[in-house]
Amino acid sequence: MAVERILAPLKTIPNHIQTIHDYEQQTSKHVTEKTWHYLQGGAMHELSVQENQFQFQNIQLIPRHLNDFTQAHTQLNLLGIDYPHPIFLAPIGHQALFHPQAEHATALAAELMQSNFVLSNFTNTDLRHLNKENPYKWFQLYWQSRETSLSLVKLAEQNLYKAIVITIDAPHSGIRDRERKVFFELPTQMQHPHTSSYFKKSQIQEGEHPIFHGLMKIAPKWEDIEWLVRHSSLPIILKGVLHSADAKKALECGVAGLIISNHGGRILDTTIPPLIALQNIRAIVPAGFPLLLDGGIRRGSDIFKAIALGANAVLIGRPYIYGLTTAGALGVAHVIRILKEEFEITMALMGTTNLNSINSDYIFQKTIVYR
């Protein structure tokens, strides 16, 4: 049986790595085959994984010219906080799978690049161990119970996290054929300081359904969201919203913003692409209500298209994990820099001088041809 040859993380970035795709190819050399399939895979046929990237190909750009760029910038204000650019890092758990420094490396790079970092509830790094004074960090919560969830929210408040992101689209794990085929499992010794109770299986009584009376029994409900909004001093953002009716309900509950996402295609296959859901939801929420797009961002032009269709900011997931795996904090910072530079150049060539000037007048949506 052949032994896998896994390269150590790079100390410098070689010249051949210039794009997110280059990082993706390099990443496969630095992880085990099982971990690679875990990172790349999705639910069932993985059609949503593919569609998250294809969704941007149906949009063409219509540039305008001869504008004055002396005051141009990429700044935005979200929930009362000024951010220098709209590229945020999505919550991704178990980062010790990809680099020994795990979330420490990601957080360091994000702070250096002034990119808002959403720390996963499934972090291998205690939320208290990241720089308390970094103004660009949110905490993501998987609902566990009211008592446990609120204790984590209070801990985040004490450590100056600026918002709470509740992931609502994954109350149960998706059917991931690829992971099953390679027998992927998290290392038994891996530490998860904020999810110990989550890994305890629900007690199923005789005659009860293992799914509906298992994890789904403890999944959050709308009244839990309303309750947490009342009990937290931080703004509450829901991640995983795709349906306009859920967006309306979130507004009624006092939610401060939404992340339009299908969990990177990892939970439920053939869901509506986030970019389409974004347009549907932007049409029914108040002007200025924060909507962030998560899913499929691979180029700076993708960021432009998302903002043109109603996003205030975007989140990247797999791309920064490619950077983390390849070269730790250096790789994550380089990935952010690549996308930031591509976005800035796209803005310049499109004739847009700030985020508010980017709108649907600059794009043309082709008729979707299903493959």
Protein backbone atom coordinates (compact mmCIF):
# COMPACT_ATOMS: atom_id res chain seq x y z
CA MET A 1 0.00 0.00 0.00
CA ALA A 2 1.48 3.34 -1.07
CA VAL A 3 2.23 5.88 1.64
CA GLU A 4 0.82 9.36 1.03
CA ARG A 5 3.47 12.03 0.53
CA ILE A 6 2.21 15.17 2.19
CA LEU A 7 4.20 18.36 1.80
CA ALA A 8 4.78 20.66 4.76
CA PRO A 9 3.23 24.15 4.56
CA LEU A 10 5.27 26.55 2.45
CA LYS A 11 7.33 29.32 4.04
CA THR A 12 7.22 31.53 0.96
CA ILE A 13 4.73 31.86 -1.88
CA PRO A 14 6.14 30.57 -5.19
CA ASN A 15 5.63 32.65 -8.33
CA HIS A 16 3.33 30.10 -9.94
CA ILE A 17 0.61 30.77 -7.30
CA GLN A 18 -1.25 33.79 -8.64
CA THR A 19 -4.95 32.90 -8.35
CA ILE A 20 -7.40 31.08 -6.08
CA HIS A 21 -7.37 28.22 -8.59
CA ASP A 22 -3.58 27.97 -8.22
CA TYR A 23 -4.02 27.72 -4.45
CA GLU A 24 -6.67 25.04 -4.88
CA GLN A 25 -4.30 22.90 -6.95
CA GLN A 26 -1.46 23.43 -4.48
CA THR A 27 -3.62 22.52 -1.49
CA SER A 28 -4.04 18.90 -2.56
CA LYS A 29 -0.30 18.40 -2.00
CA HIS A 30 -0.47 19.43 1.66
CA VAL A 31 -3.33 17.31 3.05
CA THR A 32 -4.29 13.65 3.18
CA GLU A 33 -6.60 12.31 0.50
CA LYS A 34 -9.40 11.98 3.07
CA THR A 35 -9.05 15.57 4.21
CA TRP A 36 -8.92 16.76 0.61
CA HIS A 37 -12.25 15.06 -0.15
CA TYR A 38 -13.73 16.48 3.06
CA LEU A 39 -12.73 20.00 2.00
CA GLN A 40 -13.80 19.75 -1.63
CA GLY A 41 -16.87 17.62 -1.25
CA GLY A 42 -20.52 18.45 -0.84
CA ALA A 43 -23.90 16.83 -0.48
CA MET A 44 -25.05 13.99 -2.73
CA HIS A 45 -24.20 14.68 -6.42
CA GLU A 46 -22.45 17.94 -5.44
CA LEU A 47 -24.46 19.90 -8.00
CA SER A 48 -24.82 22.84 -5.62
CA VAL A 49 -21.06 22.90 -5.07
CA GLN A 50 -20.62 23.34 -8.81
CA GLU A 51 -23.54 25.74 -9.27
CA ASN A 52 -22.21 28.09 -6.59
CA GLN A 53 -19.35 28.90 -8.94
CA PHE A 54 -21.27 28.56 -12.22
CA GLN A 55 -23.82 31.14 -11.01
CA PHE A 56 -21.34 33.94 -11.72
CA GLN A 57 -20.79 32.84 -15.34
CA ASN A 58 -24.36 33.82 -16.25
CA ILE A 59 -23.63 37.45 -15.44
CA GLN A 60 -21.79 39.74 -17.84
CA LEU A 61 -20.28 43.10 -17.00
CA ILE A 62 -21.18 46.41 -18.66
CA PRO A 63 -18.42 48.93 -17.84
CA ARG A 64 -18.70 52.70 -17.91
CA HIS A 65 -15.77 55.08 -18.36
CA LEU A 66 -14.25 58.53 -17.84
CA ASN A 67 -15.15 58.82 -14.15
CA ASP A 68 -12.98 60.62 -11.57
CA PHE A 69 -11.24 58.18 -9.21
CA THR A 70 -9.41 60.63 -6.93
CA GLN A 71 -11.81 59.83 -4.05
CA ALA A 72 -12.34 56.14 -4.84
CA HIS A 73 -12.41 53.56 -2.01
CA THR A 74 -13.82 50.15 -1.02
CA GLN A 75 -15.03 51.07 2.46
CA LEU A 76 -18.39 50.09 3.90
CA ASN A 77 -20.30 50.55 7.13
CA LEU A 78 -22.06 47.49 8.44
CA LEU A 79 -23.96 47.41 11.72
CA GLY A 80 -22.32 50.65 12.75
CA ILE A 81 -18.74 49.49 12.13
CA ASP A 82 -16.53 50.74 9.31
CA TYR A 83 -14.78 48.04 7.27
CA PRO A 84 -12.03 48.86 4.76
CA HIS A 85 -13.26 46.32 2.19
CA PRO A 86 -16.15 43.85 1.75
CA ILE A 87 -14.17 40.57 1.81
CA PHE A 88 -15.02 38.61 4.97
CA LEU A 89 -13.89 35.14 6.05
CA ALA A 90 -16.72 32.65 6.53
CA PRO A 91 -16.87 30.39 9.59
CA ILE A 92 -15.09 27.10 8.93
CA GLY A 93 -14.52 24.59 11.70
CA HIS A 94 -11.80 22.05 12.42
CA GLN A 95 -9.03 24.21 10.95
CA ALA A 96 -6.38 22.10 12.67
CA LEU A 97 -7.05 19.63 9.85
CA PHE A 98 -5.39 22.07 7.49
CA HIS A 99 -2.58 23.72 9.44
CA PRO A 100 -1.01 23.22 12.90
CA GLN A 101 -1.73 26.85 13.86
CA ALA A 102 -5.37 26.47 12.82
CA GLU A 103 -7.55 29.50 13.59
CA HIS A 104 -4.60 31.37 15.10
CA ALA A 105 -3.07 31.60 11.63
CA THR A 106 -6.34 32.56 9.96
CA ALA A 107 -7.13 35.22 12.56
CA LEU A 108 -3.63 36.70 12.28
CA ALA A 109 -3.89 36.99 8.49
CA ALA A 110 -7.41 38.40 8.67
CA GLU A 111 -6.36 41.06 11.16
CA LEU A 112 -3.32 41.97 9.05
CA MET A 113 -5.51 42.36 5.95
CA GLN A 114 -8.32 44.04 7.90
CA SER A 115 -10.72 41.35 6.78
CA ASN A 116 -13.64 40.52 9.06
CA PHE A 117 -13.19 36.99 10.43
CA VAL A 118 -16.16 34.87 11.53
CA LEU A 119 -14.85 32.33 14.05
CA SER A 120 -16.63 28.99 13.83
CA ASN A 121 -18.37 27.41 16.80
CA PHE A 122 -16.42 24.29 15.76
CA THR A 123 -13.12 26.11 16.18
CA ASN A 124 -10.14 24.20 17.51
CA THR A 125 -9.01 27.45 19.13
CA ASP A 126 -10.70 28.98 22.16
CA LEU A 127 -12.43 32.23 21.21
CA ARG A 128 -10.65 33.91 24.14
CA HIS A 129 -7.24 33.16 22.63
CA LEU A 130 -7.63 35.43 19.61
CA ASN A 131 -6.64 39.10 19.80
CA LYS A 132 -9.30 40.76 21.93
CA GLU A 133 -8.59 44.18 20.43
CA ASN A 134 -9.07 43.14 16.80
CA PRO A 135 -12.18 45.12 15.73
CA TYR A 136 -12.96 42.82 12.79
CA LYS A 137 -14.25 39.58 14.26
CA TRP A 138 -17.65 37.90 14.70
CA PHE A 139 -18.54 34.62 16.39
CA GLN A 140 -20.61 31.92 14.72
CA LEU A 141 -23.00 29.83 16.79
CA TYR A 142 -24.49 26.40 16.25
CA TRP A 143 -27.48 26.21 18.56
CA GLN A 144 -26.95 23.81 21.46
CA SER A 145 -29.47 24.86 24.12
CA ARG A 146 -30.61 28.23 25.39
CA GLU A 147 -28.33 28.04 28.40
CA THR A 148 -25.25 26.86 26.50
CA SER A 149 -25.83 29.16 23.54
CA LEU A 150 -26.30 32.23 25.72
CA SER A 151 -23.16 31.44 27.72
CA LEU A 152 -21.16 31.38 24.47
CA VAL A 153 -22.74 34.64 23.33
CA LYS A 154 -21.83 36.29 26.63
CA LEU A 155 -18.28 34.98 26.31
CA ALA A 156 -18.08 36.49 22.83
CA GLU A 157 -19.42 39.79 24.17
CA GLN A 158 -16.75 39.84 26.88
CA ASN A 159 -14.03 39.25 24.30
CA LEU A 160 -15.22 42.08 22.05
CA TYR A 161 -16.63 40.09 19.15
CA LYS A 162 -18.87 42.45 17.19
CA ALA A 163 -21.73 40.19 16.09
CA ILE A 164 -23.18 36.71 16.49
CA VAL A 165 -23.80 34.61 13.37
CA ILE A 166 -26.29 31.77 13.91
CA THR A 167 -26.06 29.08 11.25
CA ILE A 168 -29.59 27.80 10.68
CA ASP A 169 -29.25 25.66 7.55
CA ALA A 170 -27.40 22.73 9.11
CA PRO A 171 -29.44 21.32 12.02
CA HIS A 172 -28.40 17.92 10.68
CA SER A 173 -25.38 16.93 8.61
CA GLY A 174 -25.85 16.51 4.89
CA ILE A 175 -25.52 13.25 2.97
CA ARG A 176 -21.94 13.45 1.77
CA ASP A 177 -21.23 10.48 -0.46
CA ARG A 178 -17.63 11.43 -1.08
CA GLU A 179 -16.76 11.54 2.64
CA ARG A 180 -18.43 8.19 3.24
CA LYS A 181 -16.54 6.51 0.42
CA VAL A 182 -13.15 7.52 1.83
CA PHE A 183 -14.26 6.87 5.45
CA PHE A 184 -13.47 10.41 6.57
CA GLU A 185 -13.67 11.03 10.31
CA LEU A 186 -12.42 13.84 12.50
CA PRO A 187 -9.39 12.88 14.59
CA THR A 188 -10.55 11.61 17.98
CA GLN A 189 -8.00 13.79 19.80
CA MET A 190 -9.11 17.00 18.09
CA GLN A 191 -10.16 19.67 20.59
CA HIS A 192 -13.39 21.67 20.19
CA PRO A 193 -13.54 23.99 23.21
CA HIS A 194 -17.01 25.36 22.48
CA THR A 195 -18.98 22.37 21.22
CA SER A 196 -18.49 19.55 23.73
CA SER A 197 -22.23 19.21 24.34
CA TYR A 198 -22.96 19.29 20.60
CA PHE A 199 -21.08 16.05 20.05
CA LYS A 200 -23.13 14.20 22.66
CA LYS A 201 -25.76 12.19 20.87
CA SER A 202 -29.35 12.90 21.85
CA GLN A 203 -30.99 10.19 23.85
CA ILE A 204 -33.49 8.44 21.59
CA GLN A 205 -36.38 6.76 23.38
CA GLU A 206 -37.93 3.56 22.11
CA GLY A 207 -40.25 4.26 19.22
CA GLU A 208 -38.74 7.68 18.46
CA HIS A 209 -37.31 8.63 15.07
CA PRO A 210 -33.48 8.85 15.07
CA ILE A 211 -33.49 12.04 12.96
CA PHE A 212 -36.70 13.87 13.85
CA HIS A 213 -36.30 13.11 17.55
CA GLY A 214 -32.51 13.33 17.47
CA LEU A 215 -30.61 16.39 16.27
CA MET A 216 -33.76 17.99 14.86
CA LYS A 217 -35.29 17.90 18.33
CA ILE A 218 -32.64 20.31 19.64
CA ALA A 219 -32.46 22.48 16.50
CA PRO A 220 -33.31 26.17 17.05
CA LYS A 221 -36.78 27.51 16.33
CA TRP A 222 -37.96 31.04 15.57
CA GLU A 223 -38.84 31.62 19.22
CA ASP A 224 -35.23 30.77 20.14
CA ILE A 225 -33.96 33.41 17.71
CA GLU A 226 -36.36 35.99 19.17
CA TRP A 227 -35.23 35.03 22.67
CA LEU A 228 -31.53 35.40 21.83
CA VAL A 229 -32.09 38.76 20.14
CA ARG A 230 -33.63 39.98 23.40
CA HIS A 231 -30.83 38.59 25.56
CA SER A 232 -27.75 39.59 23.55
CA SER A 233 -26.16 43.01 23.35
CA LEU A 234 -24.63 42.02 20.02
CA PRO A 235 -26.43 42.10 16.66
CA ILE A 236 -27.72 38.69 15.59
CA ILE A 237 -27.15 37.59 11.98
CA LEU A 238 -28.70 34.47 10.47
CA LYS A 239 -26.58 32.41 8.08
CA GLY A 240 -28.10 30.00 5.61
CA VAL A 241 -31.24 31.90 4.56
CA LEU A 242 -32.42 31.23 0.99
CA HIS A 243 -36.21 31.70 1.14
CA SER A 244 -37.82 35.15 1.07
CA ALA A 245 -40.41 34.07 3.65
CA ASP A 246 -37.61 33.24 6.09
CA ALA A 247 -36.06 36.62 5.42
CA LYS A 248 -39.35 38.32 6.32
CA LYS A 249 -39.65 36.21 9.48
CA ALA A 250 -36.09 37.11 10.47
CA LEU A 251 -36.96 40.80 10.19
CA GLU A 252 -39.94 40.29 12.46
CA CYS A 253 -37.68 38.58 15.01
CA GLY A 254 -35.33 41.56 15.15
CA VAL A 255 -32.43 39.96 13.32
CA ALA A 256 -29.81 42.54 12.28
CA GLY A 257 -28.66 40.95 9.01
CA LEU A 258 -28.66 37.84 6.83
CA ILE A 259 -25.99 35.74 5.18
CA ILE A 260 -27.42 34.28 1.98
CA SER A 261 -25.82 30.85 1.77
CA ASN A 262 -26.41 27.19 0.96
CA HIS A 263 -23.51 26.11 3.17
CA GLY A 264 -21.17 25.73 0.23
CA GLY A 265 -23.35 22.95 -1.15
CA ARG A 266 -22.37 20.72 1.78
CA ILE A 267 -25.78 20.20 3.40
CA LEU A 268 -28.61 19.92 0.85
CA ASP A 269 -27.89 19.37 -2.83
CA THR A 270 -29.69 21.21 -5.67
CA THR A 271 -30.66 24.18 -3.51
CA ILE A 272 -31.19 27.53 -5.21
CA PRO A 273 -27.84 29.27 -5.84
CA PRO A 274 -27.15 32.02 -3.27
CA LEU A 275 -26.79 34.66 -5.98
CA ILE A 276 -30.38 34.07 -7.14
CA ALA A 277 -31.68 33.93 -3.57
CA LEU A 278 -29.87 37.20 -2.88
CA GLN A 279 -31.85 38.99 -5.57
CA ASN A 280 -35.15 37.57 -4.34
CA ILE A 281 -34.45 38.59 -0.77
CA ARG A 282 -33.04 42.03 -1.59
CA ALA A 283 -36.34 42.75 -3.32
CA ILE A 284 -38.38 42.26 -0.13
CA VAL A 285 -36.19 43.61 2.70
CA PRO A 286 -35.87 47.31 3.56
CA ALA A 287 -33.25 49.31 1.68
CA GLY A 288 -29.96 49.19 3.51
CA PHE A 289 -30.77 46.01 5.44
CA PRO A 290 -27.48 44.04 5.58
CA LEU A 291 -27.29 41.08 3.21
CA LEU A 292 -24.04 39.17 2.77
CA LEU A 293 -23.41 36.56 0.08
CA ASP A 294 -21.60 33.32 0.86
CA GLY A 295 -20.79 30.77 -1.82
CA GLY A 296 -18.72 30.40 -4.96
CA ILE A 297 -16.52 33.50 -4.79
CA ARG A 298 -13.28 32.78 -6.66
CA ARG A 299 -12.44 36.07 -8.42
CA GLY A 300 -12.64 39.76 -7.65
CA SER A 301 -15.19 40.12 -10.44
CA ASP A 302 -17.44 37.69 -8.54
CA ILE A 303 -17.41 40.11 -5.60
CA PHE A 304 -18.41 42.95 -7.94
CA LYS A 305 -21.32 40.94 -9.33
CA ALA A 306 -22.56 40.00 -5.85
CA ILE A 307 -22.56 43.64 -4.74
CA ALA A 308 -24.26 44.71 -7.97
CA LEU A 309 -27.06 42.28 -7.19
CA GLY A 310 -27.61 43.51 -3.66
CA ALA A 311 -24.91 42.20 -1.33
CA ASN A 312 -23.28 44.54 1.17
CA ALA A 313 -20.29 42.21 1.51
CA VAL A 314 -19.21 38.67 0.65
CA LEU A 315 -17.76 35.76 2.57
CA ILE A 316 -15.13 33.37 1.28
CA GLY A 317 -14.67 29.87 2.66
CA ARG A 318 -12.73 27.25 0.75
CA PRO A 319 -10.41 29.88 -0.86
CA TYR A 320 -8.87 30.96 2.43
CA ILE A 321 -8.60 27.36 3.60
CA TYR A 322 -6.57 26.73 0.44
CA GLY A 323 -4.29 29.53 1.57
CA LEU A 324 -4.14 28.26 5.16
CA THR A 325 -3.27 24.73 4.05
CA THR A 326 -0.64 25.88 1.59
CA ALA A 327 1.21 28.45 3.67
CA GLY A 328 -0.54 29.18 6.98
CA ALA A 329 -1.15 32.84 7.83
CA LEU A 330 0.95 33.93 4.87
CA GLY A 331 -1.27 31.95 2.51
CA VAL A 332 -4.52 33.28 3.98
CA ALA A 333 -3.24 36.86 3.72
CA HIS A 334 -2.17 36.28 0.12
CA VAL A 335 -5.59 34.87 -0.81
CA ILE A 336 -7.30 37.94 0.63
CA ARG A 337 -4.83 40.21 -1.15
CA ILE A 338 -5.43 38.46 -4.49
CA LEU A 339 -9.20 38.90 -4.24
CA LYS A 340 -8.92 42.44 -2.92
CA GLU A 341 -6.62 43.49 -5.78
CA GLU A 342 -8.82 41.78 -8.38
CA PHE A 343 -11.88 43.50 -6.95
CA GLU A 344 -10.23 46.92 -6.92
CA ILE A 345 -9.08 46.53 -10.51
CA THR A 346 -12.56 45.37 -11.53
CA MET A 347 -14.07 48.43 -9.86
CA ALA A 348 -11.63 50.71 -11.68
CA LEU A 349 -12.25 49.14 -15.08
CA MET A 350 -16.00 49.19 -14.48
CA GLY A 351 -15.96 52.91 -13.70
CA THR A 352 -17.27 52.53 -10.13
CA THR A 353 -15.63 54.60 -7.41
CA ASN A 354 -17.18 53.07 -4.28
CA LEU A 355 -19.43 50.23 -3.21
CA ASN A 356 -22.56 52.38 -3.30
CA SER A 357 -21.98 53.12 -6.99
CA ILE A 358 -22.05 49.40 -7.88
CA ASN A 359 -25.55 48.37 -8.97
CA SER A 360 -27.46 46.30 -11.49
CA ASP A 361 -26.94 48.92 -14.24
CA TYR A 362 -23.43 47.49 -14.63
CA ILE A 363 -24.44 43.89 -15.30
CA PHE A 364 -26.39 41.80 -17.80
CA GLN A 365 -27.82 38.44 -16.76
CA LYS A 366 -27.83 35.81 -19.48
CA THR A 367 -30.63 33.31 -19.76
CA ILE A 368 -29.65 30.33 -17.65
CA VAL A 369 -28.98 27.19 -19.67
CA TYR A 370 -29.14 24.11 -17.47
CA ARG A 371 -26.47 21.56 -18.15
